[in-house]
Amino acid sequence: MRCVVVICMCLAALSGAVAADTKADDIVAQHLDSIGTAAARAALTSLAVQGTLHFKIILGGGGESSGTWQRLSEGRKSKFVMKFGDNKWWGEQFVFDGNKTSVATANSSHRWSALGAFIVGQDNIVKDGLLGGELGTAWALESIDEHHAKLENLGRKKVDGRELDALEYLSKSNGNMVVKLYFEPETHHHVMTTYTIEMSANIAQNDMQNARQQTSHYSLEERFGDFQTENGLTLPRQYDLRFSQQLQNGNTIAYDWAMTADKVLQNPNIAPTNFEEK
């Protein structure tokens, strides 16, 4: 029995070492091949994805709602909408016209939601084609050099009980945000991206104006699943977005959007007005 345990431990260590020795470029190449051939990917000039979503407040209150979502992309341009039938809070809209990101206010008070405010401050994840992953024509891993980004192999990581290959996305535009990408070792599908950032502010604590630092924590997580192949491209049909923030005053919120892609249209004609700020 001891011999069996030792052998298993050695095999696990060897597996981790092999994963760590794999170059980041190799992981990216395998992932892109899992989407489709270079020719099939190059032939994709526009993409329209739409379906249903279910929103749920996990922390910081209660409530849930259902709605629809849509993601349009053409070249570097993109539009991402999550919509509800509520007149007080209609949803989210992030538009990138190829140069500038615009975020729509989410309610009748003309204020951004917590997620919207986060995207406004960290719009590089939209500009770089990170948000939404391969459900857009500007997927960041298709154009690493264009964004002057680098990738660092973090080796094999266990996430929710399964082993995944992990890469860190390093870019000057990230600032102090940490971006990590995760892939299934067997299929090389991109199954998760995490974004974490801490921001500090000096708060006066007494009459002498001695400042102490308090930190707010923000986290955004994307998960992708139910991969299906159509017209030579393999793309996810399940997309889950989870956002959380812990503010300096201790208030914590966490929201989850679970989305299903009912339609995925390759190379549709998309009106240019879709990528204009509304």
C-alpha atoms as a PDB file:
ATOM      1  CA  MET A   1       0.000   0.000   0.000  1.00  0.00           C
ATOM      2  CA  ARG A   2       2.828   2.389   0.875  1.00  0.00           C
ATOM      3  CA  CYS A   3       4.451   1.657  -2.470  1.00  0.00           C
ATOM      4  CA  VAL A   4       1.212   2.458  -4.285  1.00  0.00           C
ATOM      5  CA  VAL A   5       0.906   5.764  -2.421  1.00  0.00           C
ATOM      6  CA  VAL A   6       4.514   6.703  -3.215  1.00  0.00           C
ATOM      7  CA  ILE A   7       4.040   5.844  -6.905  1.00  0.00           C
ATOM      8  CA  CYS A   8       0.874   7.957  -7.097  1.00  0.00           C
ATOM      9  CA  MET A   9       2.652  10.866  -5.445  1.00  0.00           C
ATOM     10  CA  CYS A  10       5.538  10.590  -7.886  1.00  0.00           C
ATOM     11  CA  LEU A  11       3.185  10.471 -10.876  1.00  0.00           C
ATOM     12  CA  ALA A  12       1.331  13.551  -9.607  1.00  0.00           C
ATOM     13  CA  ALA A  13       4.589  15.431  -9.124  1.00  0.00           C
ATOM     14  CA  LEU A  14       5.784  14.387 -12.579  1.00  0.00           C
ATOM     15  CA  SER A  15       2.503  15.531 -14.133  1.00  0.00           C
ATOM     16  CA  GLY A  16       2.826  18.921 -12.463  1.00  0.00           C
ATOM     17  CA  ALA A  17       6.436  19.257 -13.591  1.00  0.00           C
ATOM     18  CA  VAL A  18       5.556  18.411 -17.188  1.00  0.00           C
ATOM     19  CA  ALA A  19       2.711  20.943 -17.128  1.00  0.00           C
ATOM     20  CA  ALA A  20       5.000  23.610 -15.699  1.00  0.00           C
ATOM     21  CA  ASP A  21       7.642  22.912 -18.365  1.00  0.00           C
ATOM     22  CA  THR A  22       5.119  23.375 -21.176  1.00  0.00           C
ATOM     23  CA  LYS A  23       5.595  26.733 -22.828  1.00  0.00           C
ATOM     24  CA  ALA A  24       2.764  29.254 -22.638  1.00  0.00           C
ATOM     25  CA  ASP A  25       2.889  29.600 -26.429  1.00  0.00           C
ATOM     26  CA  ASP A  26       2.272  25.863 -26.792  1.00  0.00           C
ATOM     27  CA  ILE A  27      -0.798  26.018 -24.542  1.00  0.00           C
ATOM     28  CA  VAL A  28      -2.162  28.931 -26.558  1.00  0.00           C
ATOM     29  CA  ALA A  29      -1.498  27.147 -29.862  1.00  0.00           C
ATOM     30  CA  GLN A  30      -3.279  24.012 -28.633  1.00  0.00           C
ATOM     31  CA  HIS A  31      -6.185  26.112 -27.400  1.00  0.00           C
ATOM     32  CA  LEU A  32      -6.569  27.945 -30.724  1.00  0.00           C
ATOM     33  CA  ASP A  33      -6.477  24.615 -32.561  1.00  0.00           C
ATOM     34  CA  SER A  34      -9.295  23.426 -30.276  1.00  0.00           C
ATOM     35  CA  ILE A  35     -11.453  26.252 -31.657  1.00  0.00           C
ATOM     36  CA  GLY A  36     -10.707  25.434 -35.280  1.00  0.00           C
ATOM     37  CA  THR A  37      -8.045  25.411 -37.951  1.00  0.00           C
ATOM     38  CA  ALA A  38      -6.154  28.623 -38.676  1.00  0.00           C
ATOM     39  CA  ALA A  39      -8.100  28.924 -41.934  1.00  0.00           C
ATOM     40  CA  ALA A  40     -11.464  28.481 -40.212  1.00  0.00           C
ATOM     41  CA  ARG A  41     -10.600  31.076 -37.568  1.00  0.00           C
ATOM     42  CA  ALA A  42      -9.314  33.544 -40.165  1.00  0.00           C
ATOM     43  CA  ALA A  43     -12.553  33.181 -42.128  1.00  0.00           C
ATOM     44  CA  LEU A  44     -14.542  34.403 -39.122  1.00  0.00           C
ATOM     45  CA  THR A  45     -14.986  38.156 -39.574  1.00  0.00           C
ATOM     46  CA  SER A  46     -18.121  38.707 -37.494  1.00  0.00           C
ATOM     47  CA  LEU A  47     -20.008  36.783 -34.817  1.00  0.00           C
ATOM     48  CA  ALA A  48     -23.437  37.140 -33.227  1.00  0.00           C
ATOM     49  CA  VAL A  49     -24.308  35.233 -30.059  1.00  0.00           C
ATOM     50  CA  GLN A  50     -27.642  35.494 -28.266  1.00  0.00           C
ATOM     51  CA  GLY A  51     -29.680  33.618 -25.722  1.00  0.00           C
ATOM     52  CA  THR A  52     -31.273  33.644 -22.290  1.00  0.00           C
ATOM     53  CA  LEU A  53     -29.800  34.511 -18.913  1.00  0.00           C
ATOM     54  CA  HIS A  54     -30.601  34.127 -15.237  1.00  0.00           C
ATOM     55  CA  PHE A  55     -29.336  36.728 -12.786  1.00  0.00           C
ATOM     56  CA  LYS A  56     -28.950  36.093  -9.071  1.00  0.00           C
ATOM     57  CA  ILE A  57     -27.723  38.155  -6.134  1.00  0.00           C
ATOM     58  CA  ILE A  58     -25.444  35.895  -4.096  1.00  0.00           C
ATOM     59  CA  LEU A  59     -24.288  38.366  -1.424  1.00  0.00           C
ATOM     60  CA  GLY A  60     -25.432  41.836  -0.405  1.00  0.00           C
ATOM     61  CA  GLY A  61     -29.159  41.303  -0.660  1.00  0.00           C
ATOM     62  CA  GLY A  62     -31.492  38.882  -2.343  1.00  0.00           C
ATOM     63  CA  GLY A  63     -33.343  38.426  -5.557  1.00  0.00           C
ATOM     64  CA  GLU A  64     -33.079  36.962  -9.019  1.00  0.00           C
ATOM     65  CA  SER A  65     -34.402  37.660 -12.481  1.00  0.00           C
ATOM     66  CA  SER A  66     -34.382  36.278 -16.000  1.00  0.00           C
ATOM     67  CA  GLY A  67     -33.694  38.037 -19.266  1.00  0.00           C
ATOM     68  CA  THR A  68     -31.810  37.886 -22.541  1.00  0.00           C
ATOM     69  CA  TRP A  69     -28.264  38.592 -23.629  1.00  0.00           C
ATOM     70  CA  GLN A  70     -26.455  39.313 -26.853  1.00  0.00           C
ATOM     71  CA  ARG A  71     -22.857  39.641 -27.932  1.00  0.00           C
ATOM     72  CA  LEU A  72     -22.007  41.091 -31.330  1.00  0.00           C
ATOM     73  CA  SER A  73     -18.491  41.442 -32.691  1.00  0.00           C
ATOM     74  CA  GLU A  74     -16.805  42.395 -35.920  1.00  0.00           C
ATOM     75  CA  GLY A  75     -13.047  42.669 -36.071  1.00  0.00           C
ATOM     76  CA  ARG A  76     -11.989  44.498 -32.908  1.00  0.00           C
ATOM     77  CA  LYS A  77     -15.434  46.023 -32.359  1.00  0.00           C
ATOM     78  CA  SER A  78     -17.841  44.486 -29.877  1.00  0.00           C
ATOM     79  CA  LYS A  79     -21.165  44.959 -28.144  1.00  0.00           C
ATOM     80  CA  PHE A  80     -22.251  43.016 -25.057  1.00  0.00           C
ATOM     81  CA  VAL A  81     -25.792  43.415 -23.713  1.00  0.00           C
ATOM     82  CA  MET A  82     -27.535  41.763 -20.749  1.00  0.00           C
ATOM     83  CA  LYS A  83     -31.149  42.896 -20.641  1.00  0.00           C
ATOM     84  CA  PHE A  84     -34.081  42.582 -18.256  1.00  0.00           C
ATOM     85  CA  GLY A  85     -37.686  43.737 -18.535  1.00  0.00           C
ATOM     86  CA  ASP A  86     -37.448  45.824 -15.366  1.00  0.00           C
ATOM     87  CA  ASN A  87     -38.019  49.543 -15.928  1.00  0.00           C
ATOM     88  CA  LYS A  88     -35.955  50.445 -12.840  1.00  0.00           C
ATOM     89  CA  TRP A  89     -32.962  48.275 -13.765  1.00  0.00           C
ATOM     90  CA  TRP A  90     -32.823  47.306 -17.406  1.00  0.00           C
ATOM     91  CA  GLY A  91     -29.418  45.593 -17.461  1.00  0.00           C
ATOM     92  CA  GLU A  92     -25.898  46.124 -18.805  1.00  0.00           C
ATOM     93  CA  GLN A  93     -24.370  47.301 -22.084  1.00  0.00           C
ATOM     94  CA  PHE A  94     -20.663  47.489 -22.968  1.00  0.00           C
ATOM     95  CA  VAL A  95     -19.728  48.769 -26.435  1.00  0.00           C
ATOM     96  CA  PHE A  96     -16.262  49.039 -27.971  1.00  0.00           C
ATOM     97  CA  ASP A  97     -16.027  50.889 -31.291  1.00  0.00           C
ATOM     98  CA  GLY A  98     -12.438  49.866 -31.930  1.00  0.00           C
ATOM     99  CA  ASN A  99     -11.002  52.821 -30.033  1.00  0.00           C
ATOM    100  CA  LYS A 100     -13.249  53.731 -27.129  1.00  0.00           C
ATOM    101  CA  THR A 101     -15.306  51.756 -24.629  1.00  0.00           C
ATOM    102  CA  SER A 102     -18.717  53.052 -23.581  1.00  0.00           C
ATOM    103  CA  VAL A 103     -20.754  51.668 -20.680  1.00  0.00           C
ATOM    104  CA  ALA A 104     -24.476  52.390 -20.448  1.00  0.00           C
ATOM    105  CA  THR A 105     -26.131  53.369 -17.187  1.00  0.00           C
ATOM    106  CA  ALA A 106     -28.094  50.481 -15.762  1.00  0.00           C
ATOM    107  CA  ASN A 107     -31.122  52.059 -14.108  1.00  0.00           C
ATOM    108  CA  SER A 108     -33.660  54.869 -14.143  1.00  0.00           C
ATOM    109  CA  SER A 109     -31.373  56.957 -11.918  1.00  0.00           C
ATOM    110  CA  HIS A 110     -28.832  56.996 -14.770  1.00  0.00           C
ATOM    111  CA  ARG A 111     -26.131  55.372 -12.681  1.00  0.00           C
ATOM    112  CA  TRP A 112     -23.755  52.584 -13.500  1.00  0.00           C
ATOM    113  CA  SER A 113     -24.210  49.279 -11.758  1.00  0.00           C
ATOM    114  CA  ALA A 114     -21.357  47.906  -9.647  1.00  0.00           C
ATOM    115  CA  LEU A 115     -20.284  45.783 -12.627  1.00  0.00           C
ATOM    116  CA  GLY A 116     -20.611  48.723 -14.996  1.00  0.00           C
ATOM    117  CA  ALA A 117     -18.475  50.950 -12.771  1.00  0.00           C
ATOM    118  CA  PHE A 118     -15.867  48.191 -12.628  1.00  0.00           C
ATOM    119  CA  ILE A 119     -15.748  47.932 -16.434  1.00  0.00           C
ATOM    120  CA  VAL A 120     -15.451  51.722 -16.739  1.00  0.00           C
ATOM    121  CA  GLY A 121     -12.337  51.645 -14.561  1.00  0.00           C
ATOM    122  CA  GLN A 122     -10.888  48.491 -16.129  1.00  0.00           C
ATOM    123  CA  ASP A 123     -12.002  48.804 -19.753  1.00  0.00           C
ATOM    124  CA  ASN A 124      -8.757  47.250 -20.982  1.00  0.00           C
ATOM    125  CA  ILE A 125     -10.390  43.838 -20.563  1.00  0.00           C
ATOM    126  CA  VAL A 126     -12.886  44.914 -23.239  1.00  0.00           C
ATOM    127  CA  LYS A 127     -10.306  46.606 -25.481  1.00  0.00           C
ATOM    128  CA  ASP A 128      -7.950  43.617 -25.337  1.00  0.00           C
ATOM    129  CA  GLY A 129     -10.746  41.199 -26.227  1.00  0.00           C
ATOM    130  CA  LEU A 130     -10.566  39.347 -22.919  1.00  0.00           C
ATOM    131  CA  LEU A 131     -14.168  39.778 -21.777  1.00  0.00           C
ATOM    132  CA  GLY A 132     -16.327  37.126 -23.420  1.00  0.00           C
ATOM    133  CA  GLY A 133     -13.375  35.014 -24.474  1.00  0.00           C
ATOM    134  CA  GLU A 134     -13.674  33.247 -27.822  1.00  0.00           C
ATOM    135  CA  LEU A 135     -17.323  34.321 -28.106  1.00  0.00           C
ATOM    136  CA  GLY A 136     -15.969  37.348 -29.949  1.00  0.00           C
ATOM    137  CA  THR A 137     -13.874  37.969 -33.059  1.00  0.00           C
ATOM    138  CA  ALA A 138     -11.246  39.915 -31.088  1.00  0.00           C
ATOM    139  CA  TRP A 139     -10.328  37.109 -28.665  1.00  0.00           C
ATOM    140  CA  ALA A 140      -7.157  38.290 -26.915  1.00  0.00           C
ATOM    141  CA  LEU A 141      -5.245  35.052 -27.465  1.00  0.00           C
ATOM    142  CA  GLU A 142      -5.542  35.494 -31.236  1.00  0.00           C
ATOM    143  CA  SER A 143      -3.597  38.758 -31.055  1.00  0.00           C
ATOM    144  CA  ILE A 144      -1.178  38.697 -28.110  1.00  0.00           C
ATOM    145  CA  ASP A 145       1.511  40.685 -29.938  1.00  0.00           C
ATOM    146  CA  GLU A 146      -0.974  43.333 -31.020  1.00  0.00           C
ATOM    147  CA  HIS A 147      -1.787  44.090 -27.381  1.00  0.00           C
ATOM    148  CA  HIS A 148       1.888  43.935 -26.350  1.00  0.00           C
ATOM    149  CA  ALA A 149       0.945  41.308 -23.799  1.00  0.00           C
ATOM    150  CA  LYS A 150       2.900  38.373 -22.438  1.00  0.00           C
ATOM    151  CA  LEU A 151       1.810  35.064 -20.971  1.00  0.00           C
ATOM    152  CA  GLU A 152       3.355  33.239 -18.050  1.00  0.00           C
ATOM    153  CA  ASN A 153       2.717  29.543 -17.512  1.00  0.00           C
ATOM    154  CA  LEU A 154       1.546  28.943 -13.938  1.00  0.00           C
ATOM    155  CA  GLY A 155       1.487  25.171 -14.339  1.00  0.00           C
ATOM    156  CA  ARG A 156      -1.315  22.790 -13.451  1.00  0.00           C
ATOM    157  CA  LYS A 157      -3.825  24.178 -10.922  1.00  0.00           C
ATOM    158  CA  LYS A 158      -6.735  22.446  -9.204  1.00  0.00           C
ATOM    159  CA  VAL A 159     -10.018  24.330  -9.565  1.00  0.00           C
ATOM    160  CA  ASP A 160     -13.205  22.880  -8.076  1.00  0.00           C
ATOM    161  CA  GLY A 161     -11.643  19.451  -7.995  1.00  0.00           C
ATOM    162  CA  ARG A 162     -10.304  19.339 -11.539  1.00  0.00           C
ATOM    163  CA  GLU A 163      -6.813  19.974 -12.885  1.00  0.00           C
ATOM    164  CA  LEU A 164      -6.480  22.891 -15.296  1.00  0.00           C
ATOM    165  CA  ASP A 165      -3.581  24.496 -17.146  1.00  0.00           C
ATOM    166  CA  ALA A 166      -3.185  28.079 -15.953  1.00  0.00           C
ATOM    167  CA  LEU A 167      -1.662  31.113 -17.663  1.00  0.00           C
ATOM    168  CA  GLU A 168      -1.270  34.656 -16.383  1.00  0.00           C
ATOM    169  CA  TYR A 169      -1.995  37.425 -18.885  1.00  0.00           C
ATOM    170  CA  LEU A 170       0.573  40.190 -18.408  1.00  0.00           C
ATOM    171  CA  SER A 171      -0.004  43.576 -20.005  1.00  0.00           C
ATOM    172  CA  LYS A 172       0.847  47.175 -19.131  1.00  0.00           C
ATOM    173  CA  SER A 173      -2.800  48.028 -19.669  1.00  0.00           C
ATOM    174  CA  ASN A 174      -3.725  45.692 -16.798  1.00  0.00           C
ATOM    175  CA  GLY A 175      -2.227  48.035 -14.213  1.00  0.00           C
ATOM    176  CA  ASN A 176      -2.255  46.096 -10.965  1.00  0.00           C
ATOM    177  CA  MET A 177      -5.045  43.780 -12.066  1.00  0.00           C
ATOM    178  CA  VAL A 178      -4.182  40.075 -12.084  1.00  0.00           C
ATOM    179  CA  VAL A 179      -5.657  38.182 -15.050  1.00  0.00           C
ATOM    180  CA  LYS A 180      -5.480  34.384 -15.192  1.00  0.00           C
ATOM    181  CA  LEU A 181      -6.701  32.040 -17.932  1.00  0.00           C
ATOM    182  CA  TYR A 182      -7.511  28.356 -17.408  1.00  0.00           C
ATOM    183  CA  PHE A 183      -7.678  25.492 -19.927  1.00  0.00           C
ATOM    184  CA  GLU A 184      -8.713  21.838 -19.866  1.00  0.00           C
ATOM    185  CA  PRO A 185      -5.549  19.722 -20.386  1.00  0.00           C
ATOM    186  CA  GLU A 186      -7.430  17.084 -22.383  1.00  0.00           C
ATOM    187  CA  THR A 187      -9.398  19.288 -24.788  1.00  0.00           C
ATOM    188  CA  HIS A 188      -7.421  22.556 -24.471  1.00  0.00           C
ATOM    189  CA  HIS A 189     -10.746  24.409 -24.210  1.00  0.00           C
ATOM    190  CA  HIS A 190     -10.584  27.760 -22.445  1.00  0.00           C
ATOM    191  CA  VAL A 191     -12.935  27.211 -19.494  1.00  0.00           C
ATOM    192  CA  MET A 192     -12.295  30.119 -17.128  1.00  0.00           C
ATOM    193  CA  THR A 193     -10.802  33.605 -16.783  1.00  0.00           C
ATOM    194  CA  THR A 194     -10.378  35.412 -13.463  1.00  0.00           C
ATOM    195  CA  TYR A 195      -9.686  39.102 -12.872  1.00  0.00           C
ATOM    196  CA  THR A 196      -8.706  40.353  -9.410  1.00  0.00           C
ATOM    197  CA  ILE A 197      -7.638  43.787  -8.264  1.00  0.00           C
ATOM    198  CA  GLU A 198      -7.117  45.639  -4.998  1.00  0.00           C
ATOM    199  CA  MET A 199      -7.398  49.410  -4.740  1.00  0.00           C
ATOM    200  CA  SER A 200      -6.363  51.435  -1.718  1.00  0.00           C
ATOM    201  CA  ALA A 201      -7.346  54.875  -0.475  1.00  0.00           C
ATOM    202  CA  ASN A 202      -6.027  57.015   2.348  1.00  0.00           C
ATOM    203  CA  ILE A 203      -8.702  57.659   4.968  1.00  0.00           C
ATOM    204  CA  ALA A 204      -8.185  60.305   7.690  1.00  0.00           C
ATOM    205  CA  GLN A 205      -8.790  58.682  11.041  1.00  0.00           C
ATOM    206  CA  ASN A 206      -8.395  61.568  13.520  1.00  0.00           C
ATOM    207  CA  ASP A 207      -8.037  65.320  13.912  1.00  0.00           C
ATOM    208  CA  MET A 208      -4.329  65.133  13.168  1.00  0.00           C
ATOM    209  CA  GLN A 209      -5.245  63.858   9.693  1.00  0.00           C
ATOM    210  CA  ASN A 210      -3.051  60.809  10.113  1.00  0.00           C
ATOM    211  CA  ALA A 211      -3.951  58.627   7.204  1.00  0.00           C
ATOM    212  CA  ARG A 212      -4.422  54.899   7.208  1.00  0.00           C
ATOM    213  CA  GLN A 213      -4.856  52.773   4.149  1.00  0.00           C
ATOM    214  CA  GLN A 214      -8.033  50.860   3.484  1.00  0.00           C
ATOM    215  CA  THR A 215      -8.338  48.467   0.570  1.00  0.00           C
ATOM    216  CA  SER A 216     -11.256  47.480  -1.649  1.00  0.00           C
ATOM    217  CA  HIS A 217     -11.203  44.080  -3.343  1.00  0.00           C
ATOM    218  CA  TYR A 218     -12.790  43.380  -6.743  1.00  0.00           C
ATOM    219  CA  SER A 219     -13.154  40.074  -8.540  1.00  0.00           C
ATOM    220  CA  LEU A 220     -14.637  39.085 -11.896  1.00  0.00           C
ATOM    221  CA  GLU A 221     -14.854  35.469 -13.010  1.00  0.00           C
ATOM    222  CA  GLU A 222     -15.923  34.030 -16.366  1.00  0.00           C
ATOM    223  CA  ARG A 223     -16.681  30.356 -16.921  1.00  0.00           C
ATOM    224  CA  PHE A 224     -17.305  28.651 -20.246  1.00  0.00           C
ATOM    225  CA  GLY A 225     -18.840  25.233 -20.977  1.00  0.00           C
ATOM    226  CA  ASP A 226     -20.968  23.052 -23.264  1.00  0.00           C
ATOM    227  CA  PHE A 227     -18.623  23.363 -26.259  1.00  0.00           C
ATOM    228  CA  GLN A 228     -20.239  22.608 -29.609  1.00  0.00           C
ATOM    229  CA  THR A 229     -18.822  22.465 -33.135  1.00  0.00           C
ATOM    230  CA  GLU A 230     -20.528  24.175 -36.052  1.00  0.00           C
ATOM    231  CA  ASN A 231     -19.082  25.109 -39.448  1.00  0.00           C
ATOM    232  CA  GLY A 232     -15.599  24.106 -38.346  1.00  0.00           C
ATOM    233  CA  LEU A 233     -15.538  26.198 -35.153  1.00  0.00           C
ATOM    234  CA  THR A 234     -15.931  24.898 -31.599  1.00  0.00           C
ATOM    235  CA  LEU A 235     -17.371  27.503 -29.234  1.00  0.00           C
ATOM    236  CA  PRO A 236     -18.983  27.397 -25.775  1.00  0.00           C
ATOM    237  CA  ARG A 237     -22.768  27.540 -25.368  1.00  0.00           C
ATOM    238  CA  GLN A 238     -22.674  28.127 -21.607  1.00  0.00           C
ATOM    239  CA  TYR A 239     -21.251  31.365 -20.225  1.00  0.00           C
ATOM    240  CA  ASP A 240     -21.268  32.292 -16.549  1.00  0.00           C
ATOM    241  CA  LEU A 241     -20.214  35.699 -15.259  1.00  0.00           C
ATOM    242  CA  ARG A 242     -19.681  36.348 -11.548  1.00  0.00           C
ATOM    243  CA  PHE A 243     -18.723  39.703 -10.043  1.00  0.00           C
ATOM    244  CA  SER A 244     -17.925  40.531  -6.424  1.00  0.00           C
ATOM    245  CA  GLN A 245     -16.602  43.521  -4.540  1.00  0.00           C
ATOM    246  CA  GLN A 246     -15.632  44.101  -0.925  1.00  0.00           C
ATOM    247  CA  LEU A 247     -15.479  47.816  -0.205  1.00  0.00           C
ATOM    248  CA  GLN A 248     -13.375  49.695   2.304  1.00  0.00           C
ATOM    249  CA  ASN A 249     -16.363  49.975   4.654  1.00  0.00           C
ATOM    250  CA  GLY A 250     -16.728  46.193   4.722  1.00  0.00           C
ATOM    251  CA  ASN A 251     -19.803  45.990   2.502  1.00  0.00           C
ATOM    252  CA  THR A 252     -19.647  42.965   0.212  1.00  0.00           C
ATOM    253  CA  ILE A 253     -21.727  42.096  -2.839  1.00  0.00           C
ATOM    254  CA  ALA A 254     -21.632  39.203  -5.276  1.00  0.00           C
ATOM    255  CA  TYR A 255     -23.706  38.811  -8.439  1.00  0.00           C
ATOM    256  CA  ASP A 256     -24.001  35.947 -10.915  1.00  0.00           C
ATOM    257  CA  TRP A 257     -25.229  35.925 -14.522  1.00  0.00           C
ATOM    258  CA  ALA A 258     -25.750  32.419 -15.975  1.00  0.00           C
ATOM    259  CA  MET A 259     -26.116  32.614 -19.759  1.00  0.00           C
ATOM    260  CA  THR A 260     -27.028  30.091 -22.445  1.00  0.00           C
ATOM    261  CA  ALA A 261     -26.195  30.721 -26.101  1.00  0.00           C
ATOM    262  CA  ASP A 262     -29.275  29.658 -28.047  1.00  0.00           C
ATOM    263  CA  LYS A 263     -27.975  31.068 -31.357  1.00  0.00           C
ATOM    264  CA  VAL A 264     -24.414  31.444 -32.622  1.00  0.00           C
ATOM    265  CA  LEU A 265     -24.258  33.031 -36.077  1.00  0.00           C
ATOM    266  CA  GLN A 266     -20.983  33.113 -37.986  1.00  0.00           C
ATOM    267  CA  ASN A 267     -20.263  36.029 -40.345  1.00  0.00           C
ATOM    268  CA  PRO A 268     -23.649  37.764 -40.085  1.00  0.00           C
ATOM    269  CA  ASN A 269     -24.157  41.268 -41.450  1.00  0.00           C
ATOM    270  CA  ILE A 270     -24.036  43.574 -38.421  1.00  0.00           C
ATOM    271  CA  ALA A 271     -25.211  47.164 -38.749  1.00  0.00           C
ATOM    272  CA  PRO A 272     -22.397  49.626 -37.898  1.00  0.00           C
ATOM    273  CA  THR A 273     -24.762  51.476 -35.534  1.00  0.00           C
ATOM    274  CA  ASN A 274     -24.496  48.550 -33.111  1.00  0.00           C
ATOM    275  CA  PHE A 275     -20.990  49.689 -32.241  1.00  0.00           C
ATOM    276  CA  GLU A 276     -21.920  53.287 -31.626  1.00  0.00           C
ATOM    277  CA  GLU A 277     -22.372  54.767 -28.169  1.00  0.00           C
ATOM    278  CA  LYS A 278     -26.079  54.991 -27.307  1.00  0.00           C
END
